Protein backbone atom coordinates (compact mmCIF):
# COMPACT_ATOMS: atom_id res chain seq x y z
CA UNK A 1 146.93 180.68 -33.41
CA UNK A 2 148.92 178.66 -31.26
CA UNK A 3 152.04 179.99 -28.82
CA UNK A 4 154.73 178.94 -31.15
CA UNK A 5 153.20 180.87 -34.16
CA UNK A 6 152.31 183.88 -31.82
CA UNK A 7 156.44 183.78 -30.85
CA UNK A 8 157.46 183.75 -34.44
CA UNK A 9 155.29 186.43 -35.76
CA UNK A 10 156.50 188.86 -32.50
CA UNK A 11 160.17 188.11 -32.69
CA UNK A 12 161.02 190.84 -35.74
CA UNK A 13 158.87 193.64 -33.84
CA UNK A 14 160.38 192.67 -30.56
CA UNK A 15 163.91 192.71 -31.87
CA UNK A 16 163.22 195.89 -33.84
CA UNK A 17 162.09 197.66 -30.53
CA UNK A 18 164.91 196.14 -28.72
CA UNK A 19 167.51 197.74 -31.19
CA UNK A 20 165.45 201.02 -31.12
CA UNK A 21 165.52 201.21 -27.31
CA UNK A 22 169.32 200.44 -27.48
CA UNK A 23 170.04 203.48 -29.99
CA UNK A 24 167.76 205.65 -27.98
CA UNK A 25 170.03 204.98 -25.00
CA UNK A 26 173.24 205.43 -27.11
CA UNK A 27 171.87 208.81 -28.50
CA UNK A 28 171.00 209.80 -24.93
CA UNK A 29 174.66 209.04 -24.11
CA UNK A 30 173.81 206.82 -21.33
CA UNK A 31 175.48 203.78 -22.77
CA UNK A 32 177.31 203.51 -25.84
CA UNK A 33 175.88 200.90 -28.52
CA UNK A 34 179.32 199.09 -28.61
CA UNK A 35 178.50 198.28 -24.98
CA UNK A 36 174.74 197.28 -25.25
CA UNK A 37 174.46 195.24 -28.51
CA UNK A 38 174.40 191.86 -26.83
CA UNK A 39 171.10 192.58 -25.27
CA UNK A 40 169.85 191.81 -28.89
CA UNK A 41 171.51 188.35 -28.60
CA UNK A 42 169.87 187.86 -25.10
CA UNK A 43 166.36 188.76 -26.30
CA UNK A 44 166.49 186.78 -29.43
CA UNK A 45 167.71 183.64 -27.20
CA UNK A 46 164.87 184.30 -24.68
CA UNK A 47 162.38 184.14 -27.84
CA UNK A 48 163.83 180.92 -29.24
CA UNK A 49 163.76 179.53 -25.69
CA UNK A 50 160.21 180.46 -25.37
CA UNK A 51 159.34 178.76 -28.89
CA UNK A 52 161.13 175.56 -28.07
CA UNK A 53 159.13 175.54 -24.43
CA UNK A 54 155.82 176.30 -26.35
CA UNK A 55 156.45 173.44 -28.79
CA UNK A 56 153.91 170.37 -27.47
CA UNK A 57 155.75 167.19 -26.77
CA UNK A 58 154.40 164.75 -29.18
CA UNK A 59 154.55 160.83 -28.47
CA UNK A 60 157.77 159.41 -28.97
CA UNK A 61 158.18 156.40 -31.48
CA UNK A 62 160.70 153.55 -30.66
CA UNK A 63 163.65 153.36 -32.57
CA UNK A 64 163.33 150.38 -35.05
CA UNK A 65 166.48 149.79 -36.79
CA UNK A 66 166.08 149.18 -40.74
CA UNK A 67 166.07 145.27 -41.12
CA UNK A 68 169.38 143.94 -42.44
CA UNK A 69 167.92 142.11 -45.43
CA UNK A 70 164.76 142.89 -47.66
CA UNK A 71 162.01 140.27 -47.41
CA UNK A 72 162.21 137.72 -50.62
CA UNK A 73 159.87 138.59 -53.53
CA UNK A 74 158.65 134.75 -53.58
CA UNK A 75 156.26 133.19 -51.44
CA UNK A 76 156.90 129.97 -49.46
CA UNK A 77 158.71 127.21 -51.01
CA UNK A 78 160.20 129.78 -53.45
CA UNK A 79 157.22 130.19 -55.80
CA UNK A 80 155.45 133.56 -56.92
CA UNK A 81 152.07 134.38 -55.41
């Protein structure tokens, strides 16, 4: 299993654990959920960033613009092959 697959596999459980921790903090009266929910966005962003960093950089291909005209269907001299 590569790094990207691992991060994709744990994204849901990590977000659910974070949500549970935030609900516990709300239940204990430390902070209300209305003040802590942005932590979910931050955790999601960190996981997406880790996923993006884990992607190996492949060789980049140079840009080849499409030809302006297709090649003629006939061989040299206008005859078919």
